[in-house]
Amino acid sequence: MPNAPTPDCSIITVSWNVKQYLQESLEAVFFATGGTVSFEVFVVDNNSTDGTRDMLREFAGREPRLCVMFNNTNVGFARANNQAIEQARGRYVLLLNPDMRVFPDTLQKMVAWMDAHQRAGVAGCHLVTEAGETVPHARRFPGLWNQLAIVLKIPHLFPRALDRYLMRDFDYTKEARVDSVRGSFFLIRREALRVGLLDERFFIWFEEVDFCKRMRSAGWEVWYTPVARCVDRVGRSFALVSGYQKQKMFLDSMYRYFEKWGDWRHRLAIGCARPIGLFMAWVASHV
């Protein structure tokens, strides 16, 4: 509708075989959102086979603010989100994973916070488990050595090897500018999308880190704020994928990240480490 008022927030969820969690997430958004925030919701389904599509058709039949898009294959996280971003009209765009559950005031508080912080291009809120425990997610940008440590499982021998990269001393009770926040709750300012959409070379993983790096390069700020909370069940879709396949996708995206932001030394090091990481993942999946 060309004359429809611009919503405050366009909420975008990419789904793949998580029917139960997706339905709970949608119900939380539509039936528990407090305040005066206006919103629209897009769900892009990447060819689910668990009854998700029937559930979405039924949900959309009774909720006109829900727009459903069905892909005939799994096109990945970045491409599916971009499909909806291209149609979104909101002042803000929220990328929300299907296993997330907002609280009644989550959207209201985050929209108000963004309105008050005009240089924030991206913001993440306080993510918690269902038991209310903090889900750490603020991180520094990837560096060659910390990513090699992940590939080669160095933290198994030296648990503190990733302390700086993972910002283990970060205080989640205080807001702060950060390099990147978790893509499961990723609130983007409309004007900041001038940097472009998500890079579709990343099938899954690193796309939000790449986006934050482009934001920072363009002069926008990336923030974490505890002003609002959201339940994060952490990767329910990818619990269905084998460890070997997850590692392969992770390493492919890592290589593409350094191909884009690194130099020949980064590409060479990650390229050499990749088969070792894949072999270790194969061994782990066959033990």
Protein backbone atom coordinates (compact mmCIF):
# COMPACT_ATOMS: atom_id res chain seq x y z
CA MET A 1 0.00 0.00 0.00
CA PRO A 2 1.87 3.11 -1.24
CA ASN A 3 0.06 5.51 1.12
CA ALA A 4 0.39 3.36 4.24
CA PRO A 5 2.26 5.05 7.10
CA THR A 6 5.89 4.11 7.56
CA PRO A 7 6.22 1.57 10.42
CA ASP A 8 8.77 2.16 13.14
CA CYS A 9 10.31 -1.26 12.67
CA SER A 10 10.48 -3.97 10.03
CA ILE A 11 11.17 -7.31 11.70
CA ILE A 12 12.81 -9.93 9.46
CA THR A 13 13.18 -13.59 10.34
CA VAL A 14 14.81 -16.29 8.22
CA SER A 15 13.51 -19.76 9.06
CA TRP A 16 14.68 -23.28 8.36
CA ASN A 17 13.01 -26.25 10.07
CA VAL A 18 12.29 -24.65 13.45
CA LYS A 19 8.49 -24.56 13.33
CA GLN A 20 7.86 -24.61 17.09
CA TYR A 21 10.40 -21.90 17.95
CA LEU A 22 9.36 -19.74 15.01
CA GLN A 23 5.70 -19.89 16.02
CA GLU A 24 6.58 -18.93 19.59
CA SER A 25 8.74 -16.08 18.29
CA LEU A 26 5.95 -14.73 16.08
CA GLU A 27 3.38 -14.98 18.86
CA ALA A 28 5.69 -13.04 21.17
CA VAL A 29 6.09 -10.29 18.56
CA PHE A 30 2.41 -9.98 17.63
CA PHE A 31 0.69 -10.65 20.92
CA ALA A 32 3.11 -9.41 23.57
CA THR A 33 4.54 -6.21 22.12
CA GLY A 34 3.75 -3.28 24.34
CA GLY A 35 3.83 0.44 23.75
CA THR A 36 3.05 2.41 20.62
CA VAL A 37 5.70 0.99 18.27
CA SER A 38 4.32 0.17 14.83
CA PHE A 39 5.86 -2.71 12.94
CA GLU A 40 5.65 -5.11 10.03
CA VAL A 41 7.02 -8.65 9.98
CA PHE A 42 8.66 -10.62 7.19
CA VAL A 43 9.45 -14.31 7.40
CA VAL A 44 11.61 -15.77 4.64
CA ASP A 45 11.50 -19.56 4.75
CA ASN A 46 14.48 -21.40 3.29
CA ASN A 47 12.61 -24.50 2.10
CA SER A 48 11.60 -25.96 5.48
CA THR A 49 10.18 -29.49 5.48
CA ASP A 50 8.87 -29.71 9.04
CA GLY A 51 5.43 -28.14 8.59
CA THR A 52 6.72 -24.58 8.94
CA ARG A 53 5.14 -23.50 5.68
CA ASP A 54 1.63 -24.61 6.62
CA MET A 55 2.00 -22.88 9.99
CA LEU A 56 3.11 -19.66 8.28
CA ARG A 57 0.23 -19.70 5.82
CA GLU A 58 -2.23 -20.12 8.68
CA PHE A 59 -0.55 -17.39 10.72
CA ALA A 60 -0.49 -14.96 7.80
CA GLY A 61 -4.18 -15.64 7.17
CA ARG A 62 -5.08 -14.09 10.53
CA GLU A 63 -2.29 -11.50 10.83
CA PRO A 64 -2.13 -8.97 7.98
CA ARG A 65 1.15 -7.46 9.21
CA LEU A 66 2.95 -10.73 8.41
CA CYS A 67 4.45 -11.11 4.95
CA VAL A 68 5.71 -14.60 4.14
CA MET A 69 8.24 -15.40 1.42
CA PHE A 70 8.97 -19.00 0.44
CA ASN A 71 12.24 -20.06 -1.17
CA ASN A 72 12.46 -23.33 -3.10
CA THR A 73 15.93 -23.99 -1.75
CA ASN A 74 18.06 -22.91 1.19
CA VAL A 75 19.63 -19.73 -0.16
CA GLY A 76 21.46 -18.92 3.07
CA PHE A 77 21.07 -16.33 5.81
CA ALA A 78 22.39 -13.26 4.00
CA ARG A 79 20.44 -13.73 0.76
CA ALA A 80 17.17 -14.55 2.54
CA ASN A 81 17.44 -11.48 4.79
CA ASN A 82 18.18 -9.30 1.78
CA GLN A 83 15.02 -10.50 0.05
CA ALA A 84 12.99 -9.00 2.88
CA ILE A 85 15.17 -5.93 3.45
CA GLU A 86 14.50 -4.94 -0.15
CA GLN A 87 10.77 -4.80 0.64
CA ALA A 88 10.94 -3.47 4.21
CA ARG A 89 9.59 0.04 4.87
CA GLY A 90 10.43 0.56 8.54
CA ARG A 91 12.56 3.32 10.01
CA TYR A 92 14.54 0.49 11.54
CA VAL A 93 15.15 -3.06 10.33
CA LEU A 94 15.46 -5.80 12.94
CA LEU A 95 17.05 -9.09 11.93
CA LEU A 96 15.59 -11.54 14.43
CA ASN A 97 16.47 -15.23 14.47
CA PRO A 98 13.54 -17.68 14.56
CA ASP A 99 14.56 -19.06 17.96
CA MET A 100 14.39 -15.65 19.66
CA ARG A 101 11.59 -14.44 21.93
CA VAL A 102 11.06 -10.74 22.55
CA PHE A 103 9.70 -9.42 25.83
CA PRO A 104 6.59 -7.18 25.83
CA ASP A 105 8.71 -4.00 25.90
CA THR A 106 11.71 -5.09 23.80
CA LEU A 107 10.79 -3.29 20.58
CA GLN A 108 9.48 -0.19 22.31
CA LYS A 109 12.68 0.26 24.31
CA MET A 110 15.03 -0.45 21.41
CA VAL A 111 13.26 1.90 19.02
CA ALA A 112 13.32 4.66 21.66
CA TRP A 113 17.01 3.99 22.31
CA MET A 114 17.86 4.21 18.61
CA ASP A 115 15.85 7.42 18.30
CA ALA A 116 18.03 8.91 21.04
CA HIS A 117 21.34 7.71 19.53
CA GLN A 118 21.45 9.09 16.02
CA ARG A 119 24.98 7.87 15.22
CA ALA A 120 24.11 4.24 16.03
CA GLY A 121 23.85 2.37 12.75
CA VAL A 122 23.48 -1.04 14.42
CA ALA A 123 22.49 -2.01 17.95
CA GLY A 124 22.09 -5.21 19.90
CA CYS A 125 20.29 -5.66 23.20
CA HIS A 126 20.82 -7.81 26.29
CA LEU A 127 20.43 -11.42 25.17
CA VAL A 128 19.48 -13.92 27.85
CA THR A 129 18.79 -17.64 28.10
CA GLU A 130 15.36 -18.89 29.11
CA ALA A 131 16.75 -19.06 32.64
CA GLY A 132 17.65 -15.38 32.48
CA GLU A 133 21.42 -15.82 32.20
CA THR A 134 23.39 -13.49 29.93
CA VAL A 135 24.35 -14.76 26.47
CA PRO A 136 27.76 -13.18 25.73
CA HIS A 137 27.81 -11.77 22.21
CA ALA A 138 29.82 -8.55 21.95
CA ARG A 139 33.05 -9.31 20.10
CA ARG A 140 36.04 -7.62 18.59
CA PHE A 141 36.58 -7.90 14.87
CA PRO A 142 38.22 -11.18 13.87
CA GLY A 143 41.97 -11.26 13.66
CA LEU A 144 44.14 -13.87 11.98
CA TRP A 145 45.55 -15.36 15.17
CA ASN A 146 42.29 -15.69 17.07
CA GLN A 147 40.59 -17.26 14.05
CA LEU A 148 43.45 -19.72 13.56
CA ALA A 149 43.12 -20.58 17.25
CA ILE A 150 39.44 -21.39 16.68
CA VAL A 151 40.17 -23.53 13.61
CA LEU A 152 42.94 -25.47 15.35
CA LYS A 153 40.99 -25.86 18.63
CA ILE A 154 43.71 -24.10 20.62
CA PRO A 155 41.24 -23.00 23.37
CA HIS A 156 40.79 -26.69 24.25
CA LEU A 157 44.37 -26.60 25.50
CA PHE A 158 44.54 -22.94 26.49
CA PRO A 159 41.04 -21.84 27.58
CA ARG A 160 41.95 -18.16 27.83
CA ALA A 161 43.37 -17.92 24.30
CA LEU A 162 40.24 -16.15 23.04
CA ASP A 163 39.56 -13.92 26.05
CA ARG A 164 40.35 -10.68 24.24
CA TYR A 165 38.53 -11.57 21.01
CA LEU A 166 35.42 -12.74 22.89
CA MET A 167 35.63 -9.77 25.29
CA ARG A 168 35.16 -12.05 28.29
CA ASP A 169 35.56 -9.09 30.63
CA PHE A 170 32.74 -7.12 28.97
CA ASP A 171 30.18 -5.69 31.39
CA TYR A 172 26.73 -6.49 30.00
CA THR A 173 25.08 -4.21 32.54
CA LYS A 174 26.49 -1.14 30.76
CA GLU A 175 26.00 0.14 27.23
CA ALA A 176 29.06 0.57 25.07
CA ARG A 177 30.27 0.99 21.53
CA VAL A 178 31.60 -2.31 20.23
CA ASP A 179 32.99 -3.79 17.04
CA SER A 180 30.11 -6.19 16.45
CA VAL A 181 27.04 -7.74 18.08
CA ARG A 182 25.35 -11.06 17.54
CA GLY A 183 23.24 -11.34 14.40
CA SER A 184 20.37 -13.04 16.21
CA PHE A 185 19.06 -9.62 17.33
CA PHE A 186 20.49 -7.05 14.94
CA LEU A 187 18.75 -3.67 14.76
CA ILE A 188 19.74 -1.54 11.77
CA ARG A 189 18.96 2.12 11.14
CA ARG A 190 17.33 2.65 7.74
CA GLU A 191 19.74 5.43 6.73
CA ALA A 192 22.71 3.23 7.56
CA LEU A 193 21.66 0.75 4.88
CA ARG A 194 23.37 3.09 2.44
CA VAL A 195 26.43 0.94 3.07
CA GLY A 196 24.58 -1.83 1.21
CA LEU A 197 22.79 -5.04 2.10
CA LEU A 198 24.30 -8.14 3.68
CA ASP A 199 27.10 -9.60 1.59
CA GLU A 200 25.64 -12.71 -0.03
CA ARG A 201 29.06 -14.31 -0.43
CA PHE A 202 28.53 -15.39 3.19
CA PHE A 203 26.04 -18.27 3.26
CA ILE A 204 26.00 -18.25 7.06
CA TRP A 205 28.39 -16.78 9.66
CA PHE A 206 30.52 -13.63 9.37
CA GLU A 207 27.86 -11.73 7.41
CA GLU A 208 26.92 -9.62 10.44
CA VAL A 209 30.58 -9.05 11.32
CA ASP A 210 31.26 -7.91 7.77
CA PHE A 211 28.22 -5.62 7.94
CA CYS A 212 29.41 -4.07 11.23
CA LYS A 213 32.86 -3.53 9.76
CA ARG A 214 31.34 -1.73 6.76
CA MET A 215 29.25 0.34 9.16
CA ARG A 216 32.29 1.39 11.15
CA SER A 217 34.22 2.15 7.95
CA ALA A 218 31.37 4.42 6.81
CA GLY A 219 31.40 6.37 10.09
CA TRP A 220 28.43 4.73 11.81
CA GLU A 221 28.59 3.34 15.34
CA VAL A 222 27.78 -0.18 16.54
CA TRP A 223 26.35 -0.40 20.05
CA TYR A 224 25.39 -2.86 22.73
CA THR A 225 22.73 -1.65 25.16
CA PRO A 226 21.15 -3.42 28.15
CA VAL A 227 18.06 -1.18 27.96
CA ALA A 228 16.05 -4.10 26.51
CA ARG A 229 16.21 -7.88 26.75
CA CYS A 230 15.45 -10.74 24.37
CA VAL A 231 15.56 -14.51 24.91
CA ASP A 232 18.11 -16.22 22.68
CA ARG A 233 17.90 -20.01 22.36
CA VAL A 234 21.18 -19.99 20.40
CA GLY A 235 21.25 -21.77 17.07
CA ARG A 236 18.29 -24.17 17.07
CA SER A 237 18.27 -24.42 13.28
CA PHE A 238 21.91 -25.38 13.11
CA ALA A 239 21.45 -28.02 15.77
CA LEU A 240 20.03 -30.02 12.83
CA VAL A 241 23.25 -29.74 10.82
CA SER A 242 26.15 -32.14 11.31
CA GLY A 243 29.29 -30.87 12.99
CA TYR A 244 31.30 -31.43 9.83
CA GLN A 245 28.89 -29.41 7.67
CA LYS A 246 28.78 -26.58 10.21
CA GLN A 247 32.55 -26.46 10.32
CA LYS A 248 32.75 -26.41 6.52
CA MET A 249 30.32 -23.49 6.27
CA PHE A 250 32.12 -21.67 9.08
CA LEU A 251 35.52 -22.09 7.44
CA ASP A 252 34.22 -21.07 4.03
CA SER A 253 32.81 -17.85 5.49
CA MET A 254 35.99 -17.21 7.47
CA TYR A 255 38.06 -17.49 4.30
CA ARG A 256 35.73 -15.10 2.47
CA TYR A 257 35.97 -12.62 5.34
CA PHE A 258 39.76 -12.50 5.15
CA GLU A 259 39.61 -12.54 1.36
CA LYS A 260 37.63 -9.31 1.67
CA TRP A 261 39.31 -7.62 4.62
CA GLY A 262 42.77 -9.21 4.80
CA ASP A 263 45.72 -9.65 2.49
CA TRP A 264 47.48 -12.59 0.82
CA ARG A 265 49.03 -13.70 4.13
CA HIS A 266 45.62 -14.01 5.77
CA ARG A 267 44.25 -15.96 2.81
CA LEU A 268 47.27 -18.25 2.75
CA ALA A 269 47.13 -18.97 6.48
CA ILE A 270 43.39 -19.66 6.57
CA GLY A 271 43.62 -21.65 3.34
CA CYS A 272 46.30 -23.89 4.87
CA ALA A 273 44.44 -24.27 8.17
CA ARG A 274 41.10 -25.06 6.52
CA PRO A 275 41.80 -28.75 5.63
CA ILE A 276 43.16 -29.32 9.14
CA GLY A 277 39.98 -27.89 10.64
CA LEU A 278 37.81 -30.01 8.34
CA PHE A 279 39.77 -33.14 9.20
CA MET A 280 39.40 -32.48 12.92
CA ALA A 281 35.65 -31.93 12.47
CA TRP A 282 35.38 -35.18 10.47
CA VAL A 283 37.22 -37.11 13.18
CA ALA A 284 35.02 -35.60 15.90
CA SER A 285 31.86 -36.57 14.00
CA HIS A 286 33.01 -40.18 13.64
CA VAL A 287 34.19 -40.82 17.17
